[in-house]
Amino acid sequence: MARRETVKTSLPGAVRESLAASLAGVDAELARRYPGDPGTRQPVHTVYVPADLITAGTVRDWGDQALALLDRHAPDAASFAAVLSLPDDLSGPVYARTRAKLEREPVEDLRIDFEDGYGPRLDAEEDAAAARAASLVAAACAAGTAPPYVGIRMKCLEAAVRDRAIRTLDIFLTGLTEAGGLPAELVLTLPKVTYPEQVRAMVRLCEEFERARGLTAGRIGFEIQIETTQAILGPDGRATVARMIDAAEGRATGLHYGTFDYSASCGVGAAHQSLDHPVADHAKAVMQVAAAGTGVRLCDGSTNVLPVGPAERVHEAWRLHHRLVRRSLARAYYQGWDMHPGHLPTRYAAVYAFYREGLEEAATRLAAYVDRTAASGGGIADEPATAKALSGHLLRGLDCGALDGAEIERLTGLARADLDALAGRAVTTI
């Protein structure tokens, strides 16, 4: 038998215990501030519809309009691929899956808009619209026809519209509560935030409603919309967005970038306001670092170039939107706004191509990691953090319909539950 080496140490046990005690506060702070990704499905987009235009058939109407646009301007996989310069091996699967998605689930996240898309109205009119929105959402959830995520964007908490914002939120939440309860995936958006104190005020509104209705503390969360320069850099030179996340006390679910308001606040001319302008990239990079590890997810903005009119104009708008969505995905912005039904085909085409073109490499590397045989992964020795990212990539593809569980299991030998475990998600089934 091999001789056992004697291991010697010099530090007394009291040192370890003392260090643990001195770092206990830091340990607790890390756990509180950086809980990691929530491990749930993230929608690939958010669709904003003004409150006065929303109907029980809005989601289906958007899907039908998108399909009609495809029929008119790209009736088959080859023509669609030619417009977007999709590779031959992706053109068929992407087109088929895009059409299937538009037929099955055209909208993943619906926001009924009471802010810019709705504008100032008489109080009685907005009261009625808020109550109607609650009724429509409750009915859709009860019937199983609601999108996976749904909610409202209220007005902001600046002085001029604060009372109106609070009243609309109250009417909407009260209507939902009395119609059977808040939906599991309810989403609220707080726009035009400039100071952390406004986020704290939103937290108080949520707390007061929960107490008034006997809801579990922390039940109501909200997104913070980043549309002002003050939300990125405060007068003291600090990154305000990080302070906003902290001010939300765990209720912040997302940061949404507002392309046009933010660009305008930076002095960018209307002709140059875009997702890929340098001021947008700077703001989104700050948001990304501030949100990393907090469980707060990111959502990119939108393009205002709509695919309408003659075929040449539709194709040009499609190419622009497709390029911008691809660009966002590569920068780890997995969600964005869509402003028109005609954006849906290129949203899903870009998302599906992104996940499908990376399928085999991600699957091979993940299988190699699980087997602990780096050589079979193309010579790349991945670490646990990378395996988590690889499994997260495959799960996002599954969630949106870009990938199938059977093909992933065939390529990796891993079932959905295995991917969930590697990604740190709650285990689900395919």
Protein backbone atom coordinates (compact mmCIF):
# COMPACT_ATOMS: atom_id res chain seq x y z
CA MET A 1 0.00 0.00 0.00
CA ALA A 2 1.19 3.50 -0.78
CA ARG A 3 2.49 5.41 2.19
CA ARG A 4 0.13 8.13 3.34
CA GLU A 5 1.72 11.58 3.36
CA THR A 6 1.35 13.63 6.49
CA VAL A 7 -0.33 16.98 5.76
CA LYS A 8 0.74 19.87 7.94
CA THR A 9 -0.82 23.29 8.42
CA SER A 10 0.26 26.37 10.31
CA LEU A 11 -2.86 28.44 10.78
CA PRO A 12 -4.92 27.78 13.90
CA GLY A 13 -8.61 26.95 13.48
CA ALA A 14 -9.52 30.20 15.17
CA VAL A 15 -8.29 32.09 12.10
CA ARG A 16 -10.77 30.31 9.83
CA GLU A 17 -13.58 30.92 12.29
CA SER A 18 -12.64 34.58 12.67
CA LEU A 19 -12.54 35.12 8.90
CA ALA A 20 -15.92 33.42 8.50
CA ALA A 21 -17.39 35.71 11.12
CA SER A 22 -15.87 38.82 9.54
CA LEU A 23 -17.21 37.89 6.09
CA ALA A 24 -20.67 36.76 7.21
CA GLY A 25 -22.14 40.14 6.34
CA VAL A 26 -20.57 40.05 2.89
CA ASP A 27 -21.87 36.52 2.33
CA ALA A 28 -25.38 37.63 3.20
CA GLU A 29 -25.09 40.73 1.03
CA LEU A 30 -23.92 38.70 -1.96
CA ALA A 31 -26.83 36.30 -1.56
CA ARG A 32 -29.30 39.17 -1.30
CA ARG A 33 -28.03 41.36 -4.11
CA TYR A 34 -26.89 38.68 -6.55
CA PRO A 35 -29.27 35.71 -6.42
CA GLY A 36 -28.61 34.86 -10.08
CA ASP A 37 -31.02 34.36 -12.96
CA PRO A 38 -34.55 33.41 -11.85
CA GLY A 39 -34.33 30.30 -14.03
CA THR A 40 -37.70 30.83 -15.68
CA ARG A 41 -38.73 31.39 -19.27
CA GLN A 42 -37.88 34.82 -20.67
CA PRO A 43 -40.05 36.05 -23.56
CA VAL A 44 -38.19 36.91 -26.75
CA HIS A 45 -40.11 40.16 -27.17
CA THR A 46 -42.65 42.54 -25.72
CA VAL A 47 -45.52 43.86 -27.83
CA TYR A 48 -46.97 47.23 -26.85
CA VAL A 49 -50.62 47.93 -27.75
CA PRO A 50 -52.36 51.20 -26.73
CA ALA A 51 -55.08 50.63 -24.15
CA ASP A 52 -57.79 52.07 -26.37
CA LEU A 53 -56.96 49.61 -29.16
CA ILE A 54 -56.72 46.39 -27.13
CA THR A 55 -59.43 43.79 -27.70
CA ALA A 56 -59.97 40.16 -26.86
CA GLY A 57 -58.74 39.33 -30.36
CA THR A 58 -55.63 41.51 -30.46
CA VAL A 59 -53.07 38.72 -30.09
CA ARG A 60 -54.72 36.57 -32.76
CA ASP A 61 -55.07 39.62 -35.01
CA TRP A 62 -51.35 40.32 -34.75
CA GLY A 63 -50.58 36.73 -35.72
CA ASP A 64 -52.99 36.81 -38.65
CA GLN A 65 -51.60 40.11 -39.93
CA ALA A 66 -48.04 38.75 -39.71
CA LEU A 67 -49.03 35.60 -41.61
CA ALA A 68 -50.80 37.66 -44.27
CA LEU A 69 -47.68 39.78 -44.71
CA LEU A 70 -45.60 36.63 -45.17
CA ASP A 71 -48.08 35.28 -47.71
CA ARG A 72 -47.92 38.52 -49.64
CA HIS A 73 -44.20 39.30 -49.54
CA ALA A 74 -42.42 35.99 -48.76
CA PRO A 75 -44.78 33.10 -49.52
CA ASP A 76 -42.16 30.35 -49.17
CA ALA A 77 -38.92 29.54 -47.43
CA ALA A 78 -36.74 30.40 -50.42
CA SER A 79 -38.17 33.90 -50.87
CA PHE A 80 -37.98 34.65 -47.14
CA ALA A 81 -34.40 33.39 -46.98
CA ALA A 82 -33.47 35.53 -49.96
CA VAL A 83 -34.78 38.67 -48.26
CA LEU A 84 -32.91 37.98 -45.01
CA SER A 85 -29.84 36.19 -46.48
CA LEU A 86 -30.49 33.08 -44.42
CA PRO A 87 -28.20 30.09 -45.05
CA ASP A 88 -29.71 27.31 -47.17
CA ASP A 89 -29.63 24.78 -44.34
CA LEU A 90 -31.62 27.12 -42.08
CA SER A 91 -34.13 28.54 -44.53
CA GLY A 92 -36.61 25.66 -44.39
CA PRO A 93 -36.63 25.05 -40.62
CA VAL A 94 -36.69 28.76 -39.79
CA TYR A 95 -39.55 29.52 -42.15
CA ALA A 96 -41.61 26.55 -41.03
CA ARG A 97 -41.09 27.29 -37.36
CA THR A 98 -41.83 30.99 -37.84
CA ARG A 99 -45.16 30.24 -39.50
CA ALA A 100 -46.01 27.66 -36.84
CA LYS A 101 -45.22 30.16 -34.09
CA LEU A 102 -47.42 32.84 -35.68
CA GLU A 103 -50.26 30.35 -35.82
CA ARG A 104 -49.76 28.96 -32.30
CA GLU A 105 -48.37 31.76 -30.12
CA PRO A 106 -47.74 34.98 -32.07
CA VAL A 107 -47.14 37.13 -28.98
CA GLU A 108 -45.08 36.00 -25.98
CA ASP A 109 -45.37 39.16 -23.87
CA LEU A 110 -48.19 41.71 -24.21
CA ARG A 111 -48.09 45.11 -22.59
CA ILE A 112 -51.27 47.17 -22.61
CA ASP A 113 -49.98 50.72 -22.87
CA PHE A 114 -51.31 53.64 -20.84
CA GLU A 115 -48.23 55.79 -21.43
CA ASP A 116 -46.84 57.22 -24.69
CA GLY A 117 -48.88 54.91 -26.89
CA TYR A 118 -52.06 56.02 -25.13
CA GLY A 119 -51.38 59.60 -24.13
CA PRO A 120 -53.35 62.01 -21.93
CA ARG A 121 -57.07 61.29 -21.66
CA LEU A 122 -60.00 62.40 -19.57
CA ASP A 123 -59.95 60.67 -16.19
CA ALA A 124 -63.24 58.92 -16.82
CA GLU A 125 -61.94 57.58 -20.11
CA GLU A 126 -58.73 56.19 -18.64
CA ASP A 127 -60.62 54.77 -15.66
CA ALA A 128 -62.83 52.83 -18.03
CA ALA A 129 -59.88 51.70 -20.12
CA ALA A 130 -58.01 50.42 -17.06
CA ALA A 131 -61.04 48.48 -15.84
CA ARG A 132 -61.58 47.09 -19.34
CA ALA A 133 -57.93 46.03 -19.58
CA ALA A 134 -58.25 44.12 -16.31
CA SER A 135 -61.41 42.42 -17.53
CA LEU A 136 -59.81 41.40 -20.85
CA VAL A 137 -56.67 40.03 -19.16
CA ALA A 138 -58.67 38.12 -16.55
CA ALA A 139 -60.93 36.59 -19.22
CA ALA A 140 -57.98 35.59 -21.41
CA CYS A 141 -56.17 33.99 -18.48
CA ALA A 142 -59.30 32.08 -17.47
CA ALA A 143 -59.81 30.86 -21.04
CA GLY A 144 -56.15 29.92 -21.52
CA THR A 145 -55.76 32.33 -24.44
CA ALA A 146 -53.53 34.92 -22.77
CA PRO A 147 -49.90 35.25 -23.88
CA PRO A 148 -47.35 33.67 -21.53
CA TYR A 149 -46.70 37.15 -20.07
CA VAL A 150 -49.16 40.05 -19.91
CA GLY A 151 -49.59 43.34 -18.08
CA ILE A 152 -49.69 47.11 -18.42
CA ARG A 153 -47.33 50.04 -18.80
CA MET A 154 -48.65 52.79 -16.55
CA LYS A 155 -47.75 56.45 -16.73
CA CYS A 156 -44.61 57.49 -14.87
CA LEU A 157 -44.38 58.82 -11.32
CA GLU A 158 -43.37 62.37 -12.23
CA ALA A 159 -45.52 65.04 -10.62
CA ALA A 160 -47.62 65.92 -13.68
CA VAL A 161 -49.04 62.43 -14.14
CA ARG A 162 -48.35 60.73 -10.80
CA ASP A 163 -51.92 60.64 -9.52
CA ARG A 164 -53.14 59.30 -12.85
CA ALA A 165 -50.46 56.59 -12.85
CA ILE A 166 -51.38 55.46 -9.34
CA ARG A 167 -55.10 55.39 -10.10
CA THR A 168 -54.68 53.39 -13.32
CA LEU A 169 -52.46 50.86 -11.56
CA ASP A 170 -54.95 50.56 -8.70
CA ILE A 171 -57.94 50.07 -11.01
CA PHE A 172 -56.13 47.46 -13.08
CA LEU A 173 -54.81 45.43 -10.14
CA THR A 174 -58.13 45.69 -8.28
CA GLY A 175 -60.02 44.46 -11.32
CA LEU A 176 -57.72 41.47 -11.71
CA THR A 177 -57.92 40.63 -8.01
CA GLU A 178 -61.70 40.69 -7.99
CA ALA A 179 -61.90 38.67 -11.21
CA GLY A 180 -60.04 35.74 -9.70
CA GLY A 181 -56.58 36.93 -8.69
CA LEU A 182 -53.38 38.24 -10.22
CA PRO A 183 -52.04 36.14 -13.13
CA ALA A 184 -48.90 34.16 -12.34
CA GLU A 185 -46.93 35.95 -15.07
CA LEU A 186 -48.32 39.46 -14.55
CA VAL A 187 -45.88 42.15 -15.69
CA LEU A 188 -46.01 45.85 -14.80
CA THR A 189 -43.80 48.45 -16.46
CA LEU A 190 -42.76 51.69 -14.77
CA PRO A 191 -41.60 54.17 -17.45
CA LYS A 192 -39.36 57.24 -17.50
CA VAL A 193 -37.60 56.57 -14.23
CA THR A 194 -34.93 59.12 -13.37
CA TYR A 195 -34.26 58.71 -9.64
CA PRO A 196 -34.13 55.69 -7.30
CA GLU A 197 -36.72 57.41 -5.12
CA GLN A 198 -39.30 56.83 -7.86
CA VAL A 199 -38.53 53.12 -7.72
CA ARG A 200 -38.94 53.18 -3.95
CA ALA A 201 -42.31 54.87 -4.44
CA MET A 202 -43.34 52.04 -6.79
CA VAL A 203 -42.26 49.53 -4.15
CA ARG A 204 -44.47 51.29 -1.64
CA LEU A 205 -47.44 51.16 -4.04
CA CYS A 206 -46.94 47.42 -4.42
CA GLU A 207 -46.64 46.94 -0.65
CA GLU A 208 -49.76 48.96 0.05
CA PHE A 209 -51.81 47.05 -2.52
CA GLU A 210 -50.61 43.72 -1.15
CA ARG A 211 -51.65 44.75 2.36
CA ALA A 212 -54.98 46.09 1.17
CA ARG A 213 -55.80 42.86 -0.63
CA GLY A 214 -54.19 40.37 1.73
CA LEU A 215 -51.59 39.25 -0.81
CA THR A 216 -48.28 37.65 0.03
CA ALA A 217 -45.58 40.28 0.60
CA GLY A 218 -43.44 40.60 -2.50
CA ARG A 219 -46.11 39.15 -4.81
CA ILE A 220 -46.06 42.14 -7.19
CA GLY A 221 -42.96 42.88 -9.24
CA PHE A 222 -42.28 45.41 -11.97
CA GLU A 223 -39.96 46.36 -14.81
CA ILE A 224 -37.96 49.58 -14.83
CA GLN A 225 -37.88 51.38 -18.16
CA ILE A 226 -34.59 53.11 -18.90
CA GLU A 227 -35.41 56.12 -21.06
CA THR A 228 -33.51 59.01 -19.52
CA THR A 229 -29.82 59.84 -19.18
CA GLN A 230 -30.33 60.30 -15.44
CA ALA A 231 -31.23 56.61 -15.20
CA ILE A 232 -27.77 55.68 -16.48
CA LEU A 233 -25.52 58.30 -14.90
CA GLY A 234 -26.56 60.37 -11.92
CA PRO A 235 -25.44 63.91 -11.05
CA ASP A 236 -22.94 62.39 -8.61
CA GLY A 237 -21.28 60.40 -11.40
CA ARG A 238 -22.58 57.05 -10.18
CA ALA A 239 -24.48 54.50 -12.25
CA THR A 240 -28.07 55.28 -11.27
CA VAL A 241 -29.47 52.09 -12.74
CA ALA A 242 -27.61 49.99 -10.19
CA ARG A 243 -29.11 52.09 -7.40
CA MET A 244 -32.56 51.61 -8.94
CA ILE A 245 -32.20 47.84 -8.85
CA ASP A 246 -31.26 48.09 -5.19
CA ALA A 247 -34.15 50.47 -4.49
CA ALA A 248 -36.60 47.92 -5.91
CA GLU A 249 -35.87 45.62 -2.93
CA GLY A 250 -36.07 42.46 -5.01
CA ARG A 251 -39.19 43.44 -6.95
CA ALA A 252 -37.46 44.51 -10.16
CA THR A 253 -37.95 41.86 -12.84
CA GLY A 254 -36.48 43.63 -15.84
CA LEU A 255 -34.77 46.66 -17.33
CA HIS A 256 -36.31 47.84 -20.60
CA TYR A 257 -34.33 50.18 -22.84
CA GLY A 258 -36.36 52.99 -24.44
CA THR A 259 -34.68 53.69 -27.76
CA PHE A 260 -36.24 56.97 -28.78
CA ASP A 261 -36.68 58.77 -25.48
CA TYR A 262 -33.13 57.93 -24.43
CA SER A 263 -31.61 58.89 -27.79
CA ALA A 264 -33.52 62.16 -27.80
CA SER A 265 -32.36 62.94 -24.26
CA CYS A 266 -28.80 62.56 -25.52
CA GLY A 267 -29.46 65.00 -28.36
CA VAL A 268 -29.42 62.40 -31.14
CA GLY A 269 -31.33 63.56 -34.21
CA ALA A 270 -34.46 61.69 -35.21
CA ALA A 271 -32.85 60.26 -38.35
CA HIS A 272 -30.11 58.58 -36.29
CA GLN A 273 -32.08 57.25 -33.32
CA SER A 274 -31.56 53.49 -33.41
CA LEU A 275 -30.76 50.42 -31.32
CA ASP A 276 -27.22 50.38 -32.71
CA HIS A 277 -26.32 54.04 -32.12
CA PRO A 278 -23.28 54.48 -29.82
CA VAL A 279 -25.39 56.16 -27.11
CA ALA A 280 -27.66 53.10 -27.11
CA ASP A 281 -24.72 50.73 -26.85
CA HIS A 282 -23.28 52.69 -23.92
CA ALA A 283 -26.57 52.76 -22.02
CA LYS A 284 -27.24 49.08 -22.60
CA ALA A 285 -23.71 48.10 -21.56
CA VAL A 286 -24.18 49.95 -18.26
CA MET A 287 -27.58 48.29 -17.78
CA GLN A 288 -26.05 44.88 -18.52
CA VAL A 289 -23.27 45.21 -15.96
CA ALA A 290 -25.63 46.66 -13.33
CA ALA A 291 -28.11 43.80 -13.76
CA ALA A 292 -25.57 40.96 -13.98
CA GLY A 293 -26.22 38.35 -11.31
CA THR A 294 -29.16 40.23 -9.79
CA GLY A 295 -31.90 38.20 -11.49
CA VAL A 296 -33.11 41.34 -13.28
CA ARG A 297 -33.44 40.64 -16.99
CA LEU A 298 -32.70 42.90 -19.93
CA CYS A 299 -34.94 43.96 -22.79
CA ASP A 300 -33.75 45.94 -25.80
CA GLY A 301 -35.82 48.64 -27.45
CA SER A 302 -37.47 48.80 -30.84
CA THR A 303 -37.15 50.11 -34.36
CA ASN A 304 -39.75 52.54 -35.68
CA VAL A 305 -39.20 51.47 -39.28
CA LEU A 306 -42.38 49.55 -40.07
CA PRO A 307 -42.74 46.85 -42.78
CA VAL A 308 -45.63 48.46 -44.61
CA GLY A 309 -46.27 49.53 -48.20
CA PRO A 310 -44.85 47.98 -51.38
CA ALA A 311 -42.74 44.82 -51.32
CA GLU A 312 -39.45 46.66 -51.65
CA ARG A 313 -40.18 48.76 -48.58
CA VAL A 314 -41.41 45.77 -46.56
CA HIS A 315 -38.28 43.80 -47.44
CA GLU A 316 -36.03 46.72 -46.51
CA ALA A 317 -37.76 47.08 -43.12
CA TRP A 318 -37.54 43.33 -42.55
CA ARG A 319 -33.81 43.31 -43.27
CA LEU A 320 -33.22 46.16 -40.83
CA HIS A 321 -35.28 44.59 -38.07
CA HIS A 322 -33.72 41.16 -38.60
CA ARG A 323 -30.21 42.65 -38.41
CA LEU A 324 -30.99 44.59 -35.23
CA VAL A 325 -32.54 41.57 -33.49
CA ARG A 326 -29.52 39.43 -34.43
CA ARG A 327 -27.21 42.11 -33.11
CA SER A 328 -29.05 42.25 -29.79
CA LEU A 329 -29.02 38.47 -29.39
CA ALA A 330 -25.26 38.34 -29.94
CA ARG A 331 -24.90 40.95 -27.19
CA ALA A 332 -26.97 38.85 -24.77
CA TYR A 333 -30.11 40.98 -25.02
CA TYR A 334 -32.53 38.10 -25.50
CA GLN A 335 -35.69 40.21 -25.49
CA GLY A 336 -36.77 43.32 -27.40
CA TRP A 337 -39.79 45.44 -28.25
CA ASP A 338 -41.94 44.91 -31.33
CA MET A 339 -44.16 47.78 -32.46
CA HIS A 340 -46.04 46.29 -35.42
CA PRO A 341 -47.41 42.86 -36.49
CA GLY A 342 -45.02 42.99 -39.43
CA HIS A 343 -42.09 42.78 -37.02
CA LEU A 344 -43.14 39.34 -35.80
CA PRO A 345 -41.87 37.34 -38.82
CA THR A 346 -38.39 38.81 -38.58
CA ARG A 347 -38.34 38.63 -34.77
CA TYR A 348 -38.90 34.89 -34.87
CA ALA A 349 -36.73 34.34 -37.93
CA ALA A 350 -33.78 36.04 -36.24
CA VAL A 351 -34.36 34.26 -32.93
CA TYR A 352 -34.83 30.84 -34.51
CA ALA A 353 -31.80 31.16 -36.78
CA PHE A 354 -29.70 32.30 -33.81
CA TYR A 355 -30.54 29.24 -31.72
CA ARG A 356 -30.53 26.72 -34.54
CA GLU A 357 -27.20 27.73 -36.02
CA GLY A 358 -25.56 27.32 -32.62
CA LEU A 359 -27.31 24.06 -31.79
CA GLU A 360 -24.73 21.49 -32.78
CA GLU A 361 -21.75 23.31 -31.30
CA ALA A 362 -23.56 24.00 -28.02
CA ALA A 363 -24.83 20.43 -27.84
CA THR A 364 -21.40 18.93 -28.56
CA ARG A 365 -19.66 21.08 -25.98
CA LEU A 366 -22.30 20.40 -23.35
CA ALA A 367 -22.20 16.66 -23.93
CA ALA A 368 -18.41 16.76 -23.68
CA TYR A 369 -18.61 18.69 -20.43
CA VAL A 370 -21.01 16.17 -18.93
CA ASP A 371 -18.80 13.30 -20.06
CA ARG A 372 -15.68 15.14 -18.86
CA THR A 373 -14.05 14.46 -22.23
CA ALA A 374 -12.92 17.81 -23.58
CA ALA A 375 -11.40 16.23 -26.67
CA SER A 376 -14.84 15.37 -28.05
CA GLY A 377 -15.85 19.00 -27.66
CA GLY A 378 -13.53 20.27 -30.33
CA GLY A 379 -10.60 20.67 -27.95
CA ILE A 380 -12.44 23.13 -25.70
CA ALA A 381 -12.33 22.39 -21.98
CA ASP A 382 -15.40 24.15 -20.65
CA GLU A 383 -15.91 25.21 -17.04
CA PRO A 384 -19.13 24.99 -14.99
CA ALA A 385 -20.04 28.60 -15.80
CA THR A 386 -19.76 27.88 -19.51
CA ALA A 387 -21.80 24.69 -19.17
CA LYS A 388 -24.46 26.77 -17.43
CA ALA A 389 -24.43 29.22 -20.35
CA LEU A 390 -24.59 26.40 -22.92
CA SER A 391 -27.55 24.76 -21.23
CA GLY A 392 -29.22 28.17 -20.85
CA HIS A 393 -28.79 28.74 -24.58
CA LEU A 394 -30.50 25.45 -25.39
CA LEU A 395 -33.29 26.11 -22.90
CA ARG A 396 -34.03 29.52 -24.37
CA GLY A 397 -34.23 27.87 -27.78
CA LEU A 398 -36.66 25.31 -26.39
CA ASP A 399 -38.81 27.89 -24.64
CA CYS A 400 -39.43 29.98 -27.75
CA GLY A 401 -39.91 27.08 -30.18
CA ALA A 402 -36.61 27.32 -32.04
CA LEU A 403 -35.53 23.86 -30.86
CA ASP A 404 -37.21 20.58 -29.97
CA GLY A 405 -36.52 18.49 -26.90
CA ALA A 406 -36.08 15.35 -29.00
CA GLU A 407 -33.32 16.81 -31.16
CA ILE A 408 -31.48 18.16 -28.13
CA GLU A 409 -31.68 14.81 -26.37
CA ARG A 410 -30.43 13.08 -29.52
CA LEU A 411 -27.41 15.42 -29.75
CA THR A 412 -26.55 15.64 -26.06
CA GLY A 413 -28.11 12.64 -24.38
CA LEU A 414 -29.67 15.11 -21.96
CA ALA A 415 -33.35 15.49 -21.14
CA ARG A 416 -35.00 18.77 -20.24
CA ALA A 417 -34.57 18.06 -16.54
CA ASP A 418 -30.82 17.63 -17.07
CA LEU A 419 -30.58 20.98 -18.86
CA ASP A 420 -32.59 22.65 -16.12
CA ALA A 421 -30.23 21.28 -13.49
CA LEU A 422 -27.11 22.42 -15.39
CA ALA A 423 -28.59 25.87 -15.90
CA GLY A 424 -29.69 26.20 -12.28
CA ARG A 425 -33.38 26.27 -13.19
CA ALA A 426 -36.28 24.61 -11.49
CA VAL A 427 -36.74 21.22 -13.14
CA THR A 428 -39.52 21.04 -15.74
CA THR A 429 -40.52 18.58 -18.42
CA ILE A 430 -40.46 19.01 -22.19
